[in-house]
């Protein structure tokens, strides 16, 4: 039986106050022939998120909407969706985003994986309506993503806004998660995807990526990923430390995870300094540094980067589409027309 004839995928959408966009996300998931079920977790919304999601339902009975009275975070929402769903393959879709037609078939056509992800097209809301026509067609070029490459892809470099490999939205085999007792870390509200994928890679997960683009991500200035709390950074670098302590890793793997831990810890120290300065004034911030001299390099580097950001050219993270309003996560080469 071909992938196109098999409904094997559960699409999970964790949503908070996403009434304006979630119907599009749900509709894009239901439009994929491989989708067996769509589970929406309304994570304590105060708008009409649940009713908007329901408006996109078709007559197949594949849509299941669950509402949390109180916000519990994306990790808890996704864990609940996994627990109440039954499909062997799991797909994560953010409530702002949507699948491009044929995405699941292209991913399911790739052999031998525990996780498989495709390219992401970043765009603003204005570009969403024509995305299916504007997004480029790229050669799949499947390859394995190992632990070192994954973590390296989540460490920002000078001239680049941030490491982005953690934004990939792979399909995941339920069997692999169950065999290794893997679930999202509900203490995390930032980097919960990175943490799960990294823990899977420590268990020798086969993580494949293809350059074909089937996921459309809407970029918003007020997105949750861009407005995280200082405490969220602390929990993320502490999660790295847990992985280092609880796994037998090669020297190369341990080194790259330690570098990621230092990278996130440096961002935390910088943010902590700025919080103290804003809340208690310069004396409170300086007192913090005097009591924690190890934080001085990260704080000084962060201040310098802030001051010089407008003066530095930004290295493009990936190719732009023909419209000029698209940016791809993975560099890719267009198929001949």
Protein backbone atom coordinates (compact mmCIF):
# COMPACT_ATOMS: atom_id res chain seq x y z
CA UNK A 1 0.00 0.00 0.00
CA UNK A 2 1.37 3.42 -0.91
CA UNK A 3 1.84 6.28 1.56
CA UNK A 4 -0.84 8.26 -0.28
CA UNK A 5 -3.38 5.51 0.43
CA UNK A 6 -2.52 5.16 4.12
CA UNK A 7 -3.86 7.39 6.89
CA UNK A 8 -1.12 7.05 9.48
CA UNK A 9 -0.50 10.56 10.83
CA UNK A 10 -1.83 12.41 13.85
CA UNK A 11 -1.37 16.18 13.50
CA UNK A 12 -1.04 17.89 16.88
CA UNK A 13 -1.82 21.59 17.26
CA UNK A 14 -1.21 23.24 20.64
CA UNK A 15 -2.86 26.65 20.63
CA UNK A 16 -3.32 29.64 22.90
CA UNK A 17 -5.31 32.67 21.71
CA UNK A 18 -4.97 31.64 18.07
CA UNK A 19 -8.53 32.31 16.90
CA UNK A 20 -7.35 34.30 13.89
CA UNK A 21 -5.13 31.56 12.41
CA UNK A 22 -6.03 28.14 13.74
CA UNK A 23 -8.78 27.42 11.20
CA UNK A 24 -6.21 27.68 8.42
CA UNK A 25 -3.83 25.35 10.30
CA UNK A 26 -6.57 22.76 10.89
CA UNK A 27 -7.79 22.93 7.30
CA UNK A 28 -4.28 22.41 5.95
CA UNK A 29 -3.84 19.32 8.12
CA UNK A 30 -7.22 17.83 7.19
CA UNK A 31 -6.48 18.41 3.50
CA UNK A 32 -3.59 15.93 3.65
CA UNK A 33 -4.84 12.44 2.65
CA UNK A 34 -2.39 10.82 5.10
CA UNK A 35 -3.92 12.59 8.13
CA UNK A 36 -5.82 10.11 10.28
CA UNK A 37 -6.59 12.56 13.08
CA UNK A 38 -6.03 16.19 14.07
CA UNK A 39 -5.82 16.86 17.80
CA UNK A 40 -6.15 20.50 18.86
CA UNK A 41 -5.32 21.40 22.45
CA UNK A 42 -6.76 24.79 23.37
CA UNK A 43 -4.26 25.69 26.08
CA UNK A 44 -6.26 28.07 28.25
CA UNK A 45 -7.22 30.53 25.53
CA UNK A 46 -9.28 33.60 26.36
CA UNK A 47 -10.52 34.10 22.80
CA UNK A 48 -12.47 31.87 20.43
CA UNK A 49 -9.64 29.49 19.56
CA UNK A 50 -11.70 26.31 20.05
CA UNK A 51 -14.67 27.52 18.03
CA UNK A 52 -12.39 28.76 15.24
CA UNK A 53 -10.73 25.36 15.09
CA UNK A 54 -14.12 23.66 14.95
CA UNK A 55 -15.16 25.87 12.01
CA UNK A 56 -12.51 24.11 9.88
CA UNK A 57 -13.87 20.62 10.55
CA UNK A 58 -14.89 18.49 7.60
CA UNK A 59 -17.35 15.59 7.65
CA UNK A 60 -14.74 12.88 8.32
CA UNK A 61 -14.75 13.03 12.11
CA UNK A 62 -10.96 13.35 12.21
CA UNK A 63 -10.87 16.53 14.32
CA UNK A 64 -10.64 16.25 18.12
CA UNK A 65 -10.58 19.47 20.17
CA UNK A 66 -9.65 19.45 23.86
CA UNK A 67 -9.68 22.54 26.04
CA UNK A 68 -7.47 23.18 29.07
CA UNK A 69 -9.09 25.60 31.50
CA UNK A 70 -5.67 26.92 32.55
CA UNK A 71 -2.61 27.43 30.40
CA UNK A 72 -0.13 24.58 30.88
CA UNK A 73 2.36 25.32 28.11
CA UNK A 74 3.07 23.70 24.73
CA UNK A 75 4.97 20.74 26.17
CA UNK A 76 2.07 19.68 28.40
CA UNK A 77 -0.42 20.27 25.57
CA UNK A 78 1.54 18.11 23.14
CA UNK A 79 2.07 15.35 25.69
CA UNK A 80 -1.68 15.22 26.30
CA UNK A 81 -2.39 15.07 22.58
CA UNK A 82 0.06 12.21 22.15
CA UNK A 83 -1.55 10.35 25.06
CA UNK A 84 -5.10 10.57 23.67
CA UNK A 85 -4.22 9.94 20.03
CA UNK A 86 -3.60 6.58 18.39
CA UNK A 87 -1.80 7.09 15.06
CA UNK A 88 1.69 5.57 14.65
CA UNK A 89 3.18 8.79 13.26
CA UNK A 90 3.01 12.18 14.98
CA UNK A 91 3.27 15.60 13.34
CA UNK A 92 3.51 18.93 15.17
CA UNK A 93 1.87 21.99 13.63
CA UNK A 94 1.95 25.40 15.31
CA UNK A 95 -1.38 27.24 15.36
CA UNK A 96 0.00 30.20 13.36
CA UNK A 97 1.43 27.96 10.64
CA UNK A 98 0.12 25.60 7.98
CA UNK A 99 1.06 22.65 5.79
CA UNK A 100 1.62 23.12 2.08
CA UNK A 101 -0.19 20.59 -0.15
CA UNK A 102 1.53 17.21 -0.44
CA UNK A 103 3.80 17.69 2.57
CA UNK A 104 3.02 14.44 4.36
CA UNK A 105 3.29 12.28 1.22
CA UNK A 106 6.77 13.66 0.49
CA UNK A 107 7.95 13.01 4.02
CA UNK A 108 6.43 9.52 4.21
CA UNK A 109 8.18 8.64 0.96
CA UNK A 110 11.55 8.87 2.75
CA UNK A 111 12.73 5.45 4.00
CA UNK A 112 14.35 4.39 7.28
CA UNK A 113 13.74 7.10 9.86
CA UNK A 114 12.56 7.67 13.39
CA UNK A 115 12.23 11.42 12.79
CA UNK A 116 11.98 13.07 9.37
CA UNK A 117 11.72 16.81 8.68
CA UNK A 118 11.46 19.00 5.63
CA UNK A 119 12.35 22.58 4.79
CA UNK A 120 10.44 25.51 6.29
CA UNK A 121 9.37 28.63 4.41
CA UNK A 122 9.22 31.65 6.70
CA UNK A 123 6.86 34.38 5.58
CA UNK A 124 4.69 37.21 6.85
CA UNK A 125 0.91 37.02 6.95
CA UNK A 126 0.59 38.91 3.68
CA UNK A 127 2.47 36.16 1.83
CA UNK A 128 0.41 33.29 3.24
CA UNK A 129 -2.45 33.40 0.73
CA UNK A 130 -0.18 32.74 -2.25
CA UNK A 131 2.34 30.51 -0.46
CA UNK A 132 1.34 27.29 -2.24
CA UNK A 133 2.19 28.90 -5.58
CA UNK A 134 5.18 30.96 -4.45
CA UNK A 135 7.16 28.44 -2.41
CA UNK A 136 9.92 26.89 -4.47
CA UNK A 137 10.16 23.28 -5.55
CA UNK A 138 13.41 21.82 -4.26
CA UNK A 139 15.26 18.58 -4.72
CA UNK A 140 14.71 16.43 -1.58
CA UNK A 141 18.42 15.60 -1.09
CA UNK A 142 17.68 13.46 2.01
CA UNK A 143 20.43 13.17 4.59
CA UNK A 144 20.87 12.09 8.18
CA UNK A 145 21.17 14.77 10.82
CA UNK A 146 23.42 13.55 13.63
CA UNK A 147 23.57 14.81 17.20
CA UNK A 148 26.53 17.10 16.63
CA UNK A 149 25.02 18.66 13.52
CA UNK A 150 21.70 19.15 15.27
CA UNK A 151 23.16 20.93 18.29
CA UNK A 152 25.54 22.98 16.14
CA UNK A 153 22.50 24.13 14.18
CA UNK A 154 21.00 25.56 17.37
CA UNK A 155 24.01 27.70 18.33
CA UNK A 156 23.92 31.23 16.96
CA UNK A 157 26.99 32.75 15.35
CA UNK A 158 28.02 36.35 14.95
CA UNK A 159 26.18 37.94 12.05
CA UNK A 160 23.36 35.40 12.26
CA UNK A 161 20.27 36.12 14.30
CA UNK A 162 19.88 32.68 15.84
CA UNK A 163 20.43 29.00 15.29
CA UNK A 164 17.31 27.60 13.66
CA UNK A 165 17.57 23.82 13.22
CA UNK A 166 15.40 23.40 16.31
CA UNK A 167 12.54 25.01 14.38
CA UNK A 168 12.28 21.96 12.10
CA UNK A 169 8.97 20.14 12.53
CA UNK A 170 9.75 16.45 12.01
CA UNK A 171 7.31 13.60 11.78
CA UNK A 172 8.00 11.29 14.74
CA UNK A 173 7.38 7.59 15.10
CA UNK A 174 5.31 6.87 18.19
CA UNK A 175 7.02 3.49 18.50
CA UNK A 176 10.43 5.15 18.99
CA UNK A 177 9.14 7.60 21.61
CA UNK A 178 7.41 4.79 23.51
CA UNK A 179 10.39 2.43 23.36
CA UNK A 180 12.65 5.06 24.93
CA UNK A 181 9.99 6.62 27.21
CA UNK A 182 10.44 10.02 25.60
CA UNK A 183 8.01 12.89 26.05
CA UNK A 184 8.17 16.67 26.10
CA UNK A 185 9.74 18.24 29.19
CA UNK A 186 6.83 20.12 30.74
CA UNK A 187 9.17 22.39 32.72
CA UNK A 188 10.24 24.01 29.45
CA UNK A 189 8.34 26.78 27.68
CA UNK A 190 11.26 27.54 25.40
CA UNK A 191 13.23 24.96 23.43
CA UNK A 192 10.94 22.05 24.32
CA UNK A 193 11.29 20.74 20.77
CA UNK A 194 15.09 21.04 20.84
CA UNK A 195 15.22 19.17 24.14
CA UNK A 196 13.03 16.29 22.93
CA UNK A 197 14.91 15.87 19.65
CA UNK A 198 18.28 16.00 21.41
CA UNK A 199 17.25 13.35 23.92
CA UNK A 200 16.05 11.21 21.02
CA UNK A 201 19.41 11.63 19.28
CA UNK A 202 21.21 10.47 22.43
CA UNK A 203 19.16 7.27 21.97
CA UNK A 204 20.50 6.91 18.41
CA UNK A 205 17.39 8.16 16.65
CA UNK A 206 17.62 8.19 12.86
CA UNK A 207 16.76 11.83 12.12
CA UNK A 208 16.50 12.56 8.41
CA UNK A 209 15.95 15.90 6.72
CA UNK A 210 14.93 16.73 3.17
CA UNK A 211 15.14 20.08 1.40
CA UNK A 212 11.67 19.85 -0.12
CA UNK A 213 9.54 22.55 1.50
CA UNK A 214 6.15 21.64 2.93
CA UNK A 215 5.84 23.71 6.10
CA UNK A 216 4.85 27.39 6.08
CA UNK A 217 5.78 29.35 9.21
CA UNK A 218 4.28 32.78 9.81
CA UNK A 219 6.73 35.26 11.31
CA UNK A 220 5.25 37.70 13.80
CA UNK A 221 6.97 40.31 15.91
CA UNK A 222 4.94 39.30 18.96
CA UNK A 223 5.48 35.55 18.64
CA UNK A 224 5.95 33.50 21.81
CA UNK A 225 9.38 32.32 20.70
CA UNK A 226 10.53 35.94 20.51
CA UNK A 227 9.07 36.99 23.87
CA UNK A 228 10.27 34.29 26.23
CA UNK A 229 10.93 34.93 29.89
CA UNK A 230 14.41 35.11 31.37
CA UNK A 231 13.55 32.09 33.53
CA UNK A 232 12.81 30.07 30.38
CA UNK A 233 16.45 30.47 29.28
CA UNK A 234 17.61 29.20 32.67
CA UNK A 235 15.44 26.10 32.41
CA UNK A 236 16.74 25.42 28.91
CA UNK A 237 20.43 25.44 29.82
CA UNK A 238 19.61 23.36 32.90
CA UNK A 239 17.99 20.81 30.55
CA UNK A 240 21.31 20.57 28.68
CA UNK A 241 23.01 19.83 31.98
CA UNK A 242 20.54 17.04 32.71
CA UNK A 243 21.28 15.45 29.33
CA UNK A 244 25.02 15.68 29.98
CA UNK A 245 24.61 14.07 33.40
CA UNK A 246 22.26 11.27 32.39
CA UNK A 247 23.77 9.96 29.16
CA UNK A 248 26.98 8.24 28.12
CA UNK A 249 28.10 10.51 25.32
CA UNK A 250 31.08 10.62 23.01
CA UNK A 251 33.60 13.37 23.69
CA UNK A 252 32.43 15.20 20.56
CA UNK A 253 28.76 15.03 21.57
CA UNK A 254 29.45 16.15 25.13
CA UNK A 255 31.57 19.05 23.88
CA UNK A 256 28.91 20.41 21.53
CA UNK A 257 26.16 20.13 24.16
CA UNK A 258 28.40 21.97 26.64
CA UNK A 259 28.88 24.71 24.05
CA UNK A 260 25.12 24.99 23.60
CA UNK A 261 24.71 25.13 27.38
CA UNK A 262 27.24 27.98 27.61
CA UNK A 263 25.53 29.74 24.70
CA UNK A 264 22.10 29.65 26.37
CA UNK A 265 23.56 30.41 29.81
CA UNK A 266 25.27 33.48 28.35
CA UNK A 267 21.95 34.70 26.95
CA UNK A 268 20.38 34.10 30.37
CA UNK A 269 23.07 36.06 32.21
CA UNK A 270 22.68 38.98 29.81
CA UNK A 271 18.89 38.99 30.17
CA UNK A 272 19.16 38.64 33.96
CA UNK A 273 21.47 41.68 34.10
CA UNK A 274 19.05 43.75 32.02
CA UNK A 275 16.09 42.66 34.16
CA UNK A 276 17.87 43.72 37.34
CA UNK A 277 18.91 47.02 35.80
CA UNK A 278 15.33 47.73 34.73
CA UNK A 279 13.76 46.67 38.03
CA UNK A 280 16.35 47.87 40.55
CA UNK A 281 18.57 50.29 38.68
CA UNK A 282 22.26 50.16 37.74
CA UNK A 283 23.44 49.50 41.31
CA UNK A 284 21.38 46.30 41.55
CA UNK A 285 22.73 45.08 38.20
CA UNK A 286 26.35 45.85 39.09
CA UNK A 287 25.94 44.19 42.49
CA UNK A 288 24.75 41.05 40.70
CA UNK A 289 27.89 41.00 38.55
CA UNK A 290 30.16 41.59 41.53
CA UNK A 291 28.65 38.53 43.17
CA UNK A 292 28.89 36.46 39.99
CA UNK A 293 32.05 37.45 38.10
CA UNK A 294 31.73 34.43 35.78
CA UNK A 295 28.76 36.20 34.18
CA UNK A 296 30.76 39.29 33.22
CA UNK A 297 32.00 38.06 29.81
CA UNK A 298 28.49 37.04 28.71
CA UNK A 299 26.95 40.30 29.89
CA UNK A 300 29.69 42.41 28.31
CA UNK A 301 29.40 40.46 25.06
CA UNK A 302 25.63 40.83 25.05
CA UNK A 303 25.80 44.57 25.62
CA UNK A 304 28.39 44.95 22.87
CA UNK A 305 26.24 42.91 20.47
CA UNK A 306 23.20 45.04 21.28
CA UNK A 307 25.11 48.26 20.70
CA UNK A 308 26.63 47.16 17.41
CA UNK A 309 23.73 45.15 15.96
CA UNK A 310 22.64 47.87 13.56
CA UNK A 311 26.18 48.33 12.33
CA UNK A 312 26.75 44.65 11.48
CA UNK A 313 25.62 43.10 8.21
CA UNK A 314 23.41 40.10 8.88
CA UNK A 315 24.37 36.90 7.09
CA UNK A 316 21.32 35.60 5.23
CA UNK A 317 20.15 32.38 6.84
CA UNK A 318 18.81 30.86 3.66
CA UNK A 319 17.71 31.62 0.16
CA UNK A 320 14.77 33.90 -0.58
CA UNK A 321 11.88 32.87 -2.75
CA UNK A 322 10.85 34.51 -5.98
CA UNK A 323 8.39 36.82 -4.23
CA UNK A 324 11.08 38.32 -2.02
CA UNK A 325 8.79 37.68 0.96
CA UNK A 326 9.91 34.11 1.63
CA UNK A 327 12.93 32.83 3.48
CA UNK A 328 13.88 29.17 3.70
CA UNK A 329 15.43 27.52 6.74
CA UNK A 330 17.53 25.09 4.72
CA UNK A 331 19.57 26.25 1.73
CA UNK A 332 18.25 24.37 -1.28
CA UNK A 333 18.48 24.19 -5.02
CA UNK A 334 15.35 24.59 -7.12
CA UNK A 335 14.31 21.80 -9.43
CA UNK A 336 14.58 22.60 -13.14
CA UNK A 337 11.29 23.88 -14.53
